PDB file of N, CA and C in Angstrom:
ATOM      1  N   UNK A   1      59.155 142.309  73.686  1.00  0.00           N
ATOM      2  CA  UNK A   1      58.818 143.048  72.618  1.00  0.00           C
ATOM      3  C   UNK A   1      60.044 143.720  72.611  1.00  0.00           C
ATOM      4  N   UNK A   2      60.304 144.124  71.453  1.00  0.00           N
ATOM      5  CA  UNK A   2      61.646 144.897  71.417  1.00  0.00           C
ATOM      6  C   UNK A   2      61.649 146.592  70.778  1.00  0.00           C
ATOM      7  N   UNK A   3      61.849 147.072  71.826  1.00  0.00           N
ATOM      8  CA  UNK A   3      62.042 148.714  72.601  1.00  0.00           C
ATOM      9  C   UNK A   3      62.593 149.554  71.400  1.00  0.00           C
ATOM     10  N   UNK A   4      63.344 148.543  70.777  1.00  0.00           N
ATOM     11  CA  UNK A   4      64.400 149.316  69.569  1.00  0.00           C
ATOM     12  C   UNK A   4      63.742 149.780  68.579  1.00  0.00           C
ATOM     13  N   UNK A   5      62.310 148.890  68.342  1.00  0.00           N
ATOM     14  CA  UNK A   5      61.952 149.054  67.206  1.00  0.00           C
ATOM     15  C   UNK A   5      61.133 150.349  67.196  1.00  0.00           C
ATOM     16  N   UNK A   6      60.947 150.947  65.575  1.00  0.00           N
ATOM     17  CA  UNK A   6      60.434 151.991  66.038  1.00  0.00           C
ATOM     18  C   UNK A   6      58.668 152.128  65.896  1.00  0.00           C
ATOM     19  N   UNK A   7      57.944 152.635  66.351  1.00  0.00           N
ATOM     20  CA  UNK A   7      56.314 152.511  67.190  1.00  0.00           C
ATOM     21  C   UNK A   7      55.960 153.147  65.407  1.00  0.00           C
ATOM     22  N   UNK A   8      55.115 152.673  64.762  1.00  0.00           N
ATOM     23  CA  UNK A   8      54.337 153.630  63.516  1.00  0.00           C
ATOM     24  C   UNK A   8      52.665 153.262  63.729  1.00  0.00           C
ATOM     25  N   UNK A   9      52.054 154.452  64.239  1.00  0.00           N
ATOM     26  CA  UNK A   9      50.604 154.335  64.300  1.00  0.00           C
ATOM     27  C   UNK A   9      50.081 154.337  62.792  1.00  0.00           C
ATOM     28  N   UNK A  10      48.915 153.125  62.572  1.00  0.00           N
ATOM     29  CA  UNK A  10      48.412 153.777  61.286  1.00  0.00           C
ATOM     30  C   UNK A  10      47.161 153.626  61.225  1.00  0.00           C
ATOM     31  N   UNK A  11      46.044 155.132  60.924  1.00  0.00           N
ATOM     32  CA  UNK A  11      44.845 154.911  61.380  1.00  0.00           C
ATOM     33  C   UNK A  11      44.290 155.146  59.718  1.00  0.00           C
ATOM     34  N   UNK A  12      43.556 154.158  59.969  1.00  0.00           N
ATOM     35  CA  UNK A  12      43.080 153.966  58.566  1.00  0.00           C
ATOM     36  C   UNK A  12      41.593 152.974  58.712  1.00  0.00           C
ATOM     37  N   UNK A  13      40.687 153.444  58.413  1.00  0.00           N
ATOM     38  CA  UNK A  13      39.522 152.650  58.476  1.00  0.00           C
ATOM     39  C   UNK A  13      39.018 151.375  57.558  1.00  0.00           C
ATOM     40  N   UNK A  14      39.935 151.384  56.658  1.00  0.00           N
ATOM     41  CA  UNK A  14      40.034 149.866  55.775  1.00  0.00           C
ATOM     42  C   UNK A  14      41.050 148.683  55.974  1.00  0.00           C
ATOM     43  N   UNK A  15      40.297 147.640  56.687  1.00  0.00           N
ATOM     44  CA  UNK A  15      40.996 146.931  57.432  1.00  0.00           C
ATOM     45  C   UNK A  15      42.048 146.175  57.087  1.00  0.00           C
ATOM     46  N   UNK A  16      41.666 145.777  55.483  1.00  0.00           N
ATOM     47  CA  UNK A  16      42.293 145.471  54.909  1.00  0.00           C
ATOM     48  C   UNK A  16      43.837 145.767  54.545  1.00  0.00           C
ATOM     49  N   UNK A  17      43.594 147.021  54.146  1.00  0.00           N
ATOM     50  CA  UNK A  17      44.886 147.869  53.947  1.00  0.00           C
ATOM     51  C   UNK A  17      45.529 147.436  55.069  1.00  0.00           C
ATOM     52  N   UNK A  18      45.407 147.823  56.359  1.00  0.00           N
ATOM     53  CA  UNK A  18      46.030 148.257  57.422  1.00  0.00           C
ATOM     54  C   UNK A  18      46.397 146.478  57.826  1.00  0.00           C
ATOM     55  N   UNK A  19      46.070 145.577  57.690  1.00  0.00           N
ATOM     56  CA  UNK A  19      46.318 144.129  57.884  1.00  0.00           C
ATOM     57  C   UNK A  19      47.712 144.812  56.322  1.00  0.00           C
ATOM     58  N   UNK A  20      47.553 144.359  55.699  1.00  0.00           N
ATOM     59  CA  UNK A  20      48.674 144.531  54.117  1.00  0.00           C
ATOM     60  C   UNK A  20      50.059 145.788  54.728  1.00  0.00           C
ATOM     61  N   UNK A  21      49.669 146.957  55.584  1.00  0.00           N
ATOM     62  CA  UNK A  21      50.871 148.006  55.362  1.00  0.00           C
ATOM     63  C   UNK A  21      50.903 147.591  57.060  1.00  0.00           C
ATOM     64  N   UNK A  22      50.551 146.715  58.104  1.00  0.00           N
ATOM     65  CA  UNK A  22      51.014 146.007  59.290  1.00  0.00           C
ATOM     66  C   UNK A  22      52.250 144.780  58.764  1.00  0.00           C
ATOM     67  N   UNK A  23      51.815 144.376  57.785  1.00  0.00           N
ATOM     68  CA  UNK A  23      52.958 142.955  57.509  1.00  0.00           C
ATOM     69  C   UNK A  23      54.203 143.583  56.914  1.00  0.00           C
ATOM     70  N   UNK A  24      53.756 144.710  55.871  1.00  0.00           N
ATOM     71  CA  UNK A  24      55.007 145.520  55.239  1.00  0.00           C
ATOM     72  C   UNK A  24      55.930 146.476  55.909  1.00  0.00           C
ATOM     73  N   UNK A  25      55.295 147.022  56.831  1.00  0.00           N
ATOM     74  CA  UNK A  25      56.162 147.830  57.770  1.00  0.00           C
ATOM     75  C   UNK A  25      56.718 146.560  59.060  1.00  0.00           C
ATOM     76  N   UNK A  26      56.256 145.639  59.421  1.00  0.00           N
ATOM     77  CA  UNK A  26      56.522 144.284  60.603  1.00  0.00           C
ATOM     78  C   UNK A  26      57.769 144.609  59.956  1.00  0.00           C
ATOM     79  N   UNK A  27      57.740 143.481  58.548  1.00  0.00           N
ATOM     80  CA  UNK A  27      58.628 143.116  57.933  1.00  0.00           C
ATOM     81  C   UNK A  27      59.635 143.887  57.600  1.00  0.00           C
ATOM     82  N   UNK A  28      59.846 145.259  57.918  1.00  0.00           N
ATOM     83  CA  UNK A  28      60.996 145.631  57.755  1.00  0.00           C
ATOM     84  C   UNK A  28      61.265 146.534  59.156  1.00  0.00           C
ATOM     85  N   UNK A  29      60.727 145.801  59.862  1.00  0.00           N
ATOM     86  CA  UNK A  29      61.604 146.364  61.404  1.00  0.00           C
ATOM     87  C   UNK A  29      60.809 146.880  61.890  1.00  0.00           C
ATOM     88  N   UNK A  30      59.522 147.487  61.846  1.00  0.00           N
ATOM     89  CA  UNK A  30      58.856 148.450  62.515  1.00  0.00           C
ATOM     90  C   UNK A  30      57.674 147.450  63.706  1.00  0.00           C
ATOM     91  N   UNK A  31      57.511 148.627  64.901  1.00  0.00           N
ATOM     92  CA  UNK A  31      56.398 148.415  65.350  1.00  0.00           C
ATOM     93  C   UNK A  31      54.834 148.749  65.210  1.00  0.00           C
ATOM     94  N   UNK A  32      54.076 147.829  64.912  1.00  0.00           N
ATOM     95  CA  UNK A  32      52.465 148.441  64.335  1.00  0.00           C
ATOM     96  C   UNK A  32      51.674 148.637  65.362  1.00  0.00           C
ATOM     97  N   UNK A  33      51.194 149.911  65.259  1.00  0.00           N
ATOM     98  CA  UNK A  33      49.634 150.190  66.281  1.00  0.00           C
ATOM     99  C   UNK A  33      48.870 150.462  65.366  1.00  0.00           C
ATOM    100  N   UNK A  34      47.514 149.915  65.586  1.00  0.00           N
ATOM    101  CA  UNK A  34      46.673 150.515  64.495  1.00  0.00           C
ATOM    102  C   UNK A  34      45.256 150.841  65.117  1.00  0.00           C
ATOM    103  N   UNK A  35      44.533 152.127  64.136  1.00  0.00           N
ATOM    104  CA  UNK A  35      43.224 152.700  64.750  1.00  0.00           C
ATOM    105  C   UNK A  35      42.523 152.874  63.375  1.00  0.00           C
ATOM    106  N   UNK A  36      40.995 152.660  64.113  1.00  0.00           N
ATOM    107  CA  UNK A  36      40.522 152.580  62.913  1.00  0.00           C
ATOM    108  C   UNK A  36      39.373 153.785  62.785  1.00  0.00           C
ATOM    109  N   UNK A  37      39.425 155.102  63.512  1.00  0.00           N
ATOM    110  CA  UNK A  37      38.594 155.964  63.088  1.00  0.00           C
ATOM    111  C   UNK A  37      39.636 156.921  63.738  1.00  0.00           C
ATOM    112  N   UNK A  38      39.270 158.322  63.501  1.00  0.00           N
ATOM    113  CA  UNK A  38      40.240 159.420  63.832  1.00  0.00           C
ATOM    114  C   UNK A  38      40.132 159.380  65.640  1.00  0.00           C
ATOM    115  N   UNK A  39      39.216 159.067  66.018  1.00  0.00           N
ATOM    116  CA  UNK A  39      39.552 159.789  67.804  1.00  0.00           C
ATOM    117  C   UNK A  39      40.258 158.419  68.267  1.00  0.00           C
ATOM    118  N   UNK A  40      39.946 157.261  67.509  1.00  0.00           N
ATOM    119  CA  UNK A  40      40.763 156.498  68.367  1.00  0.00           C
ATOM    120  C   UNK A  40      42.132 156.183  67.926  1.00  0.00           C
ATOM    121  N   UNK A  41      42.431 156.851  66.955  1.00  0.00           N
ATOM    122  CA  UNK A  41      43.621 157.390  66.590  1.00  0.00           C
ATOM    123  C   UNK A  41      44.479 158.400  67.350  1.00  0.00           C
ATOM    124  N   UNK A  42      43.701 159.636  67.794  1.00  0.00           N
ATOM    125  CA  UNK A  42      44.040 160.699  68.812  1.00  0.00           C
ATOM    126  C   UNK A  42      44.458 159.792  69.596  1.00  0.00           C
ATOM    127  N   UNK A  43      43.518 159.429  70.435  1.00  0.00           N
ATOM    128  CA  UNK A  43      43.646 158.934  71.592  1.00  0.00           C
ATOM    129  C   UNK A  43      44.724 157.836  71.888  1.00  0.00           C
ATOM    130  N   UNK A  44      44.989 156.987  70.801  1.00  0.00           N
ATOM    131  CA  UNK A  44      46.413 156.267  70.212  1.00  0.00           C
ATOM    132  C   UNK A  44      47.430 157.007  70.435  1.00  0.00           C
ATOM    133  N   UNK A  45      47.587 157.577  69.482  1.00  0.00           N
ATOM    134  CA  UNK A  45      48.735 159.021  69.062  1.00  0.00           C
ATOM    135  C   UNK A  45      49.134 159.410  70.876  1.00  0.00           C
ATOM    136  N   UNK A  46      48.460 159.884  71.414  1.00  0.00           N
ATOM    137  CA  UNK A  46      48.797 160.093  72.658  1.00  0.00           C
ATOM    138  C   UNK A  46      49.002 159.345  74.017  1.00  0.00           C
ATOM    139  N   UNK A  47      48.507 158.067  73.805  1.00  0.00           N
ATOM    140  CA  UNK A  47      49.084 157.320  74.530  1.00  0.00           C
ATOM    141  C   UNK A  47      50.072 156.785  74.577  1.00  0.00           C
ATOM    142  N   UNK A  48      50.185 156.855  72.704  1.00  0.00           N
ATOM    143  CA  UNK A  48      51.769 155.582  72.940  1.00  0.00           C
ATOM    144  C   UNK A  48      52.603 156.159  72.153  1.00  0.00           C
ATOM    145  N   UNK A  49      52.666 157.458  71.733  1.00  0.00           N
ATOM    146  CA  UNK A  49      53.502 158.696  71.044  1.00  0.00           C
ATOM    147  C   UNK A  49      54.662 157.805  70.151  1.00  0.00           C
ATOM    148  N   UNK A  50      53.665 157.631  69.169  1.00  0.00           N
ATOM    149  CA  UNK A  50      54.790 156.229  67.996  1.00  0.00           C
ATOM    150  C   UNK A  50      55.174 157.696  67.354  1.00  0.00           C
ATOM    151  N   UNK A  51      56.517 156.577  66.927  1.00  0.00           N
ATOM    152  CA  UNK A  51      57.696 157.890  66.105  1.00  0.00           C
ATOM    153  C   UNK A  51      57.516 157.779  64.576  1.00  0.00           C
ATOM    154  N   UNK A  52      55.930 157.708  64.367  1.00  0.00           N
ATOM    155  CA  UNK A  52      55.796 158.207  62.906  1.00  0.00           C
ATOM    156  C   UNK A  52      54.403 157.938  62.852  1.00  0.00           C
ATOM    157  N   UNK A  53      53.459 158.482  62.099  1.00  0.00           N
ATOM    158  CA  UNK A  53      52.180 157.878  61.912  1.00  0.00           C
ATOM    159  C   UNK A  53      51.476 158.116  60.345  1.00  0.00           C
ATOM    160  N   UNK A  54      50.765 156.929  60.011  1.00  0.00           N
ATOM    161  CA  UNK A  54      50.017 157.039  58.788  1.00  0.00           C
ATOM    162  C   UNK A  54      48.732 156.856  58.706  1.00  0.00           C
ATOM    163  N   UNK A  55      48.222 158.188  58.310  1.00  0.00           N
ATOM    164  CA  UNK A  55      46.567 158.895  58.178  1.00  0.00           C
ATOM    165  C   UNK A  55      45.798 158.783  57.308  1.00  0.00           C
ATOM    166  N   UNK A  56      45.190 157.931  57.487  1.00  0.00           N
ATOM    167  CA  UNK A  56      43.755 158.252  56.869  1.00  0.00           C
ATOM    168  C   UNK A  56      43.074 159.680  56.569  1.00  0.00           C
ATOM    169  N   UNK A  57      42.479 159.949  55.615  1.00  0.00           N
ATOM    170  CA  UNK A  57      41.795 161.461  55.831  1.00  0.00           C
ATOM    171  C   UNK A  57      40.380 161.080  55.632  1.00  0.00           C
ATOM    172  N   UNK A  58      39.776 160.450  55.075  1.00  0.00           N
ATOM    173  CA  UNK A  58      38.253 159.778  54.698  1.00  0.00           C
ATOM    174  C   UNK A  58      38.090 158.839  56.776  1.00  0.00           C
ATOM    175  N   UNK A  59      38.355 159.505  57.800  1.00  0.00           N
ATOM    176  CA  UNK A  59      37.852 158.307  58.562  1.00  0.00           C
ATOM    177  C   UNK A  59      36.587 158.837  59.706  1.00  0.00           C
ATOM    178  N   UNK A  60      36.005 157.530  60.309  1.00  0.00           N
ATOM    179  CA  UNK A  60      34.665 158.008  60.817  1.00  0.00           C
ATOM    180  C   UNK A  60      34.962 158.725  62.216  1.00  0.00           C
ATOM    181  N   UNK A  61      34.190 159.550  62.889  1.00  0.00           N
ATOM    182  CA  UNK A  61      34.693 160.653  64.157  1.00  0.00           C
ATOM    183  C   UNK A  61      34.997 161.884  63.498  1.00  0.00           C
ATOM    184  N   UNK A  62      35.904 161.600  63.895  1.00  0.00           N
ATOM    185  CA  UNK A  62      37.455 162.436  63.352  1.00  0.00           C
ATOM    186  C   UNK A  62      38.130 162.542  61.649  1.00  0.00           C
ATOM    187  N   UNK A  63      38.050 163.853  60.855  1.00  0.00           N
ATOM    188  CA  UNK A  63      38.634 163.133  59.621  1.00  0.00           C
ATOM    189  C   UNK A  63      39.972 163.298  59.849  1.00  0.00           C
ATOM    190  N   UNK A  64      41.044 163.042  59.048  1.00  0.00           N
ATOM    191  CA  UNK A  64      42.362 162.806  58.954  1.00  0.00           C
ATOM    192  C   UNK A  64      42.955 164.354  59.415  1.00  0.00           C
ATOM    193  N   UNK A  65      42.420 165.545  58.741  1.00  0.00           N
ATOM    194  CA  UNK A  65      42.858 166.740  58.606  1.00  0.00           C
ATOM    195  C   UNK A  65      42.325 167.115  60.117  1.00  0.00           C
ATOM    196  N   UNK A  66      41.827 166.956  60.688  1.00  0.00           N
ATOM    197  CA  UNK A  66      41.503 167.259  62.659  1.00  0.00           C
ATOM    198  C   UNK A  66      42.265 166.061  63.227  1.00  0.00           C
ATOM    199  N   UNK A  67      42.444 165.216  63.049  1.00  0.00           N
ATOM    200  CA  UNK A  67      43.678 164.742  63.562  1.00  0.00           C
ATOM    201  C   UNK A  67      45.122 165.196  64.045  1.00  0.00           C
ATOM    202  N   UNK A  68      45.379 165.321  62.470  1.00  0.00           N
ATOM    203  CA  UNK A  68      46.661 166.305  61.837  1.00  0.00           C
ATOM    204  C   UNK A  68      47.138 167.173  62.505  1.00  0.00           C
ATOM    205  N   UNK A  69      45.897 168.271  62.722  1.00  0.00           N
ATOM    206  CA  UNK A  69      45.948 169.728  62.978  1.00  0.00           C
ATOM    207  C   UNK A  69      45.659 169.361  64.592  1.00  0.00           C
ATOM    208  N   UNK A  70      45.518 168.495  65.566  1.00  0.00           N
ATOM    209  CA  UNK A  70      45.077 168.108  66.597  1.00  0.00           C
ATOM    210  C   UNK A  70      46.698 167.961  67.067  1.00  0.00           C
ATOM    211  N   UNK A  71      46.801 166.733  66.713  1.00  0.00           N
ATOM    212  CA  UNK A  71      48.828 166.365  66.928  1.00  0.00           C
ATOM    213  C   UNK A  71      49.533 167.721  66.497  1.00  0.00           C
ATOM    214  N   UNK A  72      49.142 168.259  65.206  1.00  0.00           N
ATOM    215  CA  UNK A  72      50.574 169.175  65.444  1.00  0.00           C
ATOM    216  C   UNK A  72      50.325 170.523  66.348  1.00  0.00           C
ATOM    217  N   UNK A  73      49.421 170.657  66.887  1.00  0.00           N
ATOM    218  CA  UNK A  73      48.961 172.361  67.438  1.00  0.00           C
ATOM    219  C   UNK A  73      49.329 171.682  68.861  1.00  0.00           C
ATOM    220  N   UNK A  74      49.639 170.452  69.262  1.00  0.00           N
ATOM    221  CA  UNK A  74      49.750 170.084  70.668  1.00  0.00           C
ATOM    222  C   UNK A  74      51.492 169.877  70.835  1.00  0.00           C
ATOM    223  N   UNK A  75      51.959 170.581  71.489  1.00  0.00           N
ATOM    224  CA  UNK A  75      53.429 170.760  71.678  1.00  0.00           C
ATOM    225  C   UNK A  75      54.269 169.417  72.357  1.00  0.00           C
ATOM    226  N   UNK A  76      53.372 168.347  72.680  1.00  0.00           N
ATOM    227  CA  UNK A  76      54.095 167.170  73.023  1.00  0.00           C
ATOM    228  C   UNK A  76      54.235 166.136  72.111  1.00  0.00           C
ATOM    229  N   UNK A  77      53.149 166.414  71.177  1.00  0.00           N
ATOM    230  CA  UNK A  77      53.152 165.571  69.655  1.00  0.00           C
ATOM    231  C   UNK A  77      53.683 165.832  68.394  1.00  0.00           C
ATOM    232  N   UNK A  78      53.656 167.786  68.679  1.00  0.00           N
ATOM    233  CA  UNK A  78      53.902 167.834  66.597  1.00  0.00           C
ATOM    234  C   UNK A  78      55.035 167.626  66.250  1.00  0.00           C
ATOM    235  N   UNK A  79      56.092 167.345  66.846  1.00  0.00           N
ATOM    236  CA  UNK A  79      57.388 166.515  66.734  1.00  0.00           C
ATOM    237  C   UNK A  79      57.248 165.145  65.427  1.00  0.00           C
ATOM    238  N   UNK A  80      56.292 164.424  65.725  1.00  0.00           N
ATOM    239  CA  UNK A  80      55.546 163.162  65.215  1.00  0.00           C
ATOM    240  C   UNK A  80      55.046 163.338  63.645  1.00  0.00           C
ATOM    241  N   UNK A  81      56.355 162.746  62.761  1.00  0.00           N
ATOM    242  CA  UNK A  81      55.648 163.254  61.500  1.00  0.00           C
ATOM    243  C   UNK A  81      54.299 161.843  61.157  1.00  0.00           C
ATOM    244  N   UNK A  82      53.810 163.033  60.017  1.00  0.00           N
ATOM    245  CA  UNK A  82      52.275 162.816  59.999  1.00  0.00           C
ATOM    246  C   UNK A  82      52.740 162.488  57.984  1.00  0.00           C
ATOM    247  N   UNK A  83      52.228 160.858  57.756  1.00  0.00           N
ATOM    248  CA  UNK A  83      52.300 160.640  56.280  1.00  0.00           C
ATOM    249  C   UNK A  83      50.773 160.682  56.345  1.00  0.00           C
ATOM    250  N   UNK A  84      50.229 161.691  55.661  1.00  0.00           N
ATOM    251  CA  UNK A  84      48.946 161.486  54.975  1.00  0.00           C
ATOM    252  C   UNK A  84      48.730 160.375  53.446  1.00  0.00           C
ATOM    253  N   UNK A  85      47.566 159.297  53.684  1.00  0.00           N
ATOM    254  CA  UNK A  85      48.078 158.213  53.556  1.00  0.00           C
ATOM    255  C   UNK A  85      46.567 158.251  52.688  1.00  0.00           C
ATOM    256  N   UNK A  86      46.226 158.741  51.621  1.00  0.00           N
ATOM    257  CA  UNK A  86      44.357 158.554  51.021  1.00  0.00           C
ATOM    258  C   UNK A  86      44.594 158.645  49.408  1.00  0.00           C
ATOM    259  N   UNK A  87      43.241 158.504  49.235  1.00  0.00           N
ATOM    260  CA  UNK A  87      42.370 158.407  47.906  1.00  0.00           C
ATOM    261  C   UNK A  87      42.768 159.435  47.461  1.00  0.00           C
ATOM    262  N   UNK A  88      42.871 160.519  47.691  1.00  0.00           N
ATOM    263  CA  UNK A  88      42.088 162.261  47.807  1.00  0.00           C
ATOM    264  C   UNK A  88      42.788 162.421  46.772  1.00  0.00           C
ATOM    265  N   UNK A  89      43.811 162.951  45.601  1.00  0.00           N
ATOM    266  CA  UNK A  89      44.574 162.758  45.060  1.00  0.00           C
ATOM    267  C   UNK A  89      44.644 164.341  44.321  1.00  0.00           C
ATOM    268  N   UNK A  90      43.814 164.833  44.501  1.00  0.00           N
ATOM    269  CA  UNK A  90      43.462 166.372  43.860  1.00  0.00           C
ATOM    270  C   UNK A  90      44.757 167.742  44.807  1.00  0.00           C
ATOM    271  N   UNK A  91      44.952 168.280  43.716  1.00  0.00           N
ATOM    272  CA  UNK A  91      45.899 169.532  44.607  1.00  0.00           C
ATOM    273  C   UNK A  91      45.271 170.041  46.131  1.00  0.00           C
ATOM    274  N   UNK A  92      43.879 170.517  45.689  1.00  0.00           N
ATOM    275  CA  UNK A  92      43.520 171.433  46.805  1.00  0.00           C
ATOM    276  C   UNK A  92      43.655 170.434  48.282  1.00  0.00           C
ATOM    277  N   UNK A  93      43.979 168.991  47.756  1.00  0.00           N
ATOM    278  CA  UNK A  93      43.567 168.083  49.037  1.00  0.00           C
ATOM    279  C   UNK A  93      44.977 167.863  49.856  1.00  0.00           C
ATOM    280  N   UNK A  94      45.977 167.735  48.983  1.00  0.00           N
ATOM    281  CA  UNK A  94      47.498 168.062  49.122  1.00  0.00           C
ATOM    282  C   UNK A  94      47.718 168.960  49.755  1.00  0.00           C
ATOM    283  N   UNK A  95      47.644 170.031  49.126  1.00  0.00           N
ATOM    284  CA  UNK A  95      47.679 171.431  50.253  1.00  0.00           C
ATOM    285  C   UNK A  95      46.948 171.700  51.695  1.00  0.00           C
ATOM    286  N   UNK A  96      45.990 171.104  51.775  1.00  0.00           N
ATOM    287  CA  UNK A  96      45.058 170.845  52.852  1.00  0.00           C
ATOM    288  C   UNK A  96      45.585 169.920  53.905  1.00  0.00           C
ATOM    289  N   UNK A  97      46.524 169.281  53.621  1.00  0.00           N
ATOM    290  CA  UNK A  97      46.968 168.083  54.146  1.00  0.00           C
ATOM    291  C   UNK A  97      47.847 168.513  54.670  1.00  0.00           C
ATOM    292  N   UNK A  98      49.108 169.297  53.790  1.00  0.00           N
ATOM    293  CA  UNK A  98      50.243 169.836  53.821  1.00  0.00           C
ATOM    294  C   UNK A  98      49.744 170.802  54.983  1.00  0.00           C
ATOM    295  N   UNK A  99      48.763 172.159  54.477  1.00  0.00           N
ATOM    296  CA  UNK A  99      47.873 173.464  55.841  1.00  0.00           C
ATOM    297  C   UNK A  99      48.034 172.510  57.062  1.00  0.00           C
ATOM    298  N   UNK A 100      47.393 171.296  57.202  1.00  0.00           N
ATOM    299  CA  UNK A 100      46.718 170.739  58.645  1.00  0.00           C
ATOM    300  C   UNK A 100      48.706 170.204  59.176  1.00  0.00           C
ATOM    301  N   UNK A 101      49.421 170.216  58.201  1.00  0.00           N
ATOM    302  CA  UNK A 101      51.009 170.035  59.515  1.00  0.00           C
ATOM    303  C   UNK A 101      51.588 168.638  58.910  1.00  0.00           C
ATOM    304  N   UNK A 102      50.931 168.305  57.507  1.00  0.00           N
ATOM    305  CA  UNK A 102      51.305 166.821  57.316  1.00  0.00           C
ATOM    306  C   UNK A 102      52.849 166.829  56.923  1.00  0.00           C
ATOM    307  N   UNK A 103      53.674 165.843  57.446  1.00  0.00           N
ATOM    308  CA  UNK A 103      54.972 165.446  56.535  1.00  0.00           C
ATOM    309  C   UNK A 103      55.436 165.331  55.641  1.00  0.00           C
ATOM    310  N   UNK A 104      54.322 164.662  54.938  1.00  0.00           N
ATOM    311  CA  UNK A 104      54.306 163.979  53.596  1.00  0.00           C
ATOM    312  C   UNK A 104      53.035 163.277  53.282  1.00  0.00           C
ATOM    313  N   UNK A 105      52.464 163.573  51.863  1.00  0.00           N
ATOM    314  CA  UNK A 105      51.179 163.087  51.624  1.00  0.00           C
ATOM    315  C   UNK A 105      51.749 162.089  50.452  1.00  0.00           C
ATOM    316  N   UNK A 106      50.787 160.601  50.342  1.00  0.00           N
ATOM    317  CA  UNK A 106      51.079 159.600  49.438  1.00  0.00           C
ATOM    318  C   UNK A 106      49.680 159.149  49.255  1.00  0.00           C
ATOM    319  N   UNK A 107      49.416 159.054  48.149  1.00  0.00           N
ATOM    320  CA  UNK A 107      47.821 158.989  47.367  1.00  0.00           C
ATOM    321  C   UNK A 107      47.580 157.411  47.241  1.00  0.00           C
ATOM    322  N   UNK A 108      46.490 156.494  47.285  1.00  0.00           N
ATOM    323  CA  UNK A 108      46.228 155.515  47.172  1.00  0.00           C
ATOM    324  C   UNK A 108      45.928 155.696  45.506  1.00  0.00           C
ATOM    325  N   UNK A 109      45.721 154.473  44.973  1.00  0.00           N
ATOM    326  CA  UNK A 109      46.799 153.196  45.158  1.00  0.00           C
ATOM    327  C   UNK A 109      47.959 153.820  45.094  1.00  0.00           C
ATOM    328  N   UNK A 110      49.249 153.155  45.727  1.00  0.00           N
ATOM    329  CA  UNK A 110      50.054 153.616  45.963  1.00  0.00           C
ATOM    330  C   UNK A 110      51.102 151.896  45.840  1.00  0.00           C
ATOM    331  N   UNK A 111      52.278 152.493  45.982  1.00  0.00           N
ATOM    332  CA  UNK A 111      53.486 151.846  45.586  1.00  0.00           C
ATOM    333  C   UNK A 111      54.105 151.496  47.173  1.00  0.00           C
ATOM    334  N   UNK A 112      53.926 150.183  47.334  1.00  0.00           N
ATOM    335  CA  UNK A 112      54.585 149.903  49.068  1.00  0.00           C
ATOM    336  C   UNK A 112      56.373 150.686  49.232  1.00  0.00           C
ATOM    337  N   UNK A 113      56.808 150.504  48.087  1.00  0.00           N
ATOM    338  CA  UNK A 113      58.153 151.092  48.060  1.00  0.00           C
ATOM    339  C   UNK A 113      58.851 152.270  48.525  1.00  0.00           C
ATOM    340  N   UNK A 114      57.222 153.004  47.645  1.00  0.00           N
ATOM    341  CA  UNK A 114      57.201 154.535  47.768  1.00  0.00           C
ATOM    342  C   UNK A 114      57.076 154.784  49.639  1.00  0.00           C
ATOM    343  N   UNK A 115      56.022 154.401  49.799  1.00  0.00           N
ATOM    344  CA  UNK A 115      55.801 154.507  50.978  1.00  0.00           C
ATOM    345  C   UNK A 115      56.463 154.140  52.472  1.00  0.00           C
ATOM    346  N   UNK A 116      57.207 153.032  52.023  1.00  0.00           N
ATOM    347  CA  UNK A 116      58.723 152.672  53.241  1.00  0.00           C
ATOM    348  C   UNK A 116      59.475 153.632  52.752  1.00  0.00           C
ATOM    349  N   UNK A 117      59.852 153.964  51.578  1.00  0.00           N
ATOM    350  CA  UNK A 117      61.159 154.905  52.060  1.00  0.00           C
ATOM    351  C   UNK A 117      60.609 156.334  52.048  1.00  0.00           C
ATOM    352  N   UNK A 118      59.552 156.734  52.408  1.00  0.00           N
ATOM    353  CA  UNK A 118      59.265 158.168  53.027  1.00  0.00           C
ATOM    354  C   UNK A 118      59.067 158.091  54.096  1.00  0.00           C
ATOM    355  N   UNK A 119      58.778 156.450  54.849  1.00  0.00           N
ATOM    356  CA  UNK A 119      58.632 156.628  56.297  1.00  0.00           C
ATOM    357  C   UNK A 119      60.353 156.251  56.987  1.00  0.00           C
ATOM    358  N   UNK A 120      61.010 155.958  55.765  1.00  0.00           N
ATOM    359  CA  UNK A 120      62.087 155.670  56.663  1.00  0.00           C
ATOM    360  C   UNK A 120      62.961 156.879  56.119  1.00  0.00           C
ATOM    361  N   UNK A 121      62.620 158.122  55.249  1.00  0.00           N
ATOM    362  CA  UNK A 121      63.187 158.649  55.444  1.00  0.00           C
ATOM    363  C   UNK A 121      62.710 160.160  56.559  1.00  0.00           C
ATOM    364  N   UNK A 122      61.707 160.114  57.009  1.00  0.00           N
ATOM    365  CA  UNK A 122      60.982 160.764  57.696  1.00  0.00           C
ATOM    366  C   UNK A 122      62.078 160.222  59.065  1.00  0.00           C
ATOM    367  N   UNK A 123      61.706 158.905  59.392  1.00  0.00           N
ATOM    368  CA  UNK A 123      62.293 158.548  60.529  1.00  0.00           C
ATOM    369  C   UNK A 123      63.749 158.599  60.809  1.00  0.00           C
ATOM    370  N   UNK A 124      64.667 159.154  59.914  1.00  0.00           N
ATOM    371  CA  UNK A 124      66.048 159.379  59.745  1.00  0.00           C
ATOM    372  C   UNK A 124      66.174 160.677  59.954  1.00  0.00           C
ATOM    373  N   UNK A 125      65.147 161.712  59.862  1.00  0.00           N
ATOM    374  CA  UNK A 125      65.507 162.879  60.203  1.00  0.00           C
ATOM    375  C   UNK A 125      64.942 163.244  61.800  1.00  0.00           C
ATOM    376  N   UNK A 126      64.249 162.277  62.263  1.00  0.00           N
ATOM    377  CA  UNK A 126      63.598 162.482  63.361  1.00  0.00           C
ATOM    378  C   UNK A 126      64.836 162.654  64.504  1.00  0.00           C
ATOM    379  N   UNK A 127      65.165 163.931  65.420  1.00  0.00           N
ATOM    380  CA  UNK A 127      66.131 163.681  66.304  1.00  0.00           C
ATOM    381  C   UNK A 127      66.857 162.651  67.671  1.00  0.00           C
TER     382      UNK A 127
END
């Protein structure tokens, strides 16, 4: 395993989407970890300390807002950039996501190039 690859945690309950994202991210030299619900995502974030998290809002167990808030309020994980990735495109949803501490907000359906660009940008900004 190449430890120089940046680790990205994808938390989404749509397995087809997770698979497609994983293929794209791995093709761009990232290592992908996936979780299919909010609790699993939170557990994996804490266990793996990923370099970036792509987080859906509508998740079983814990929603994306809760996962985002819990990680961003924790000294140990708050520096991990979180990209909220959701079909919820209303301004109030975007505001709630940013208020929860998200670093970026991308709506589905999405342009993979925009998502990859945002991921790359956030990882470059990371100290």
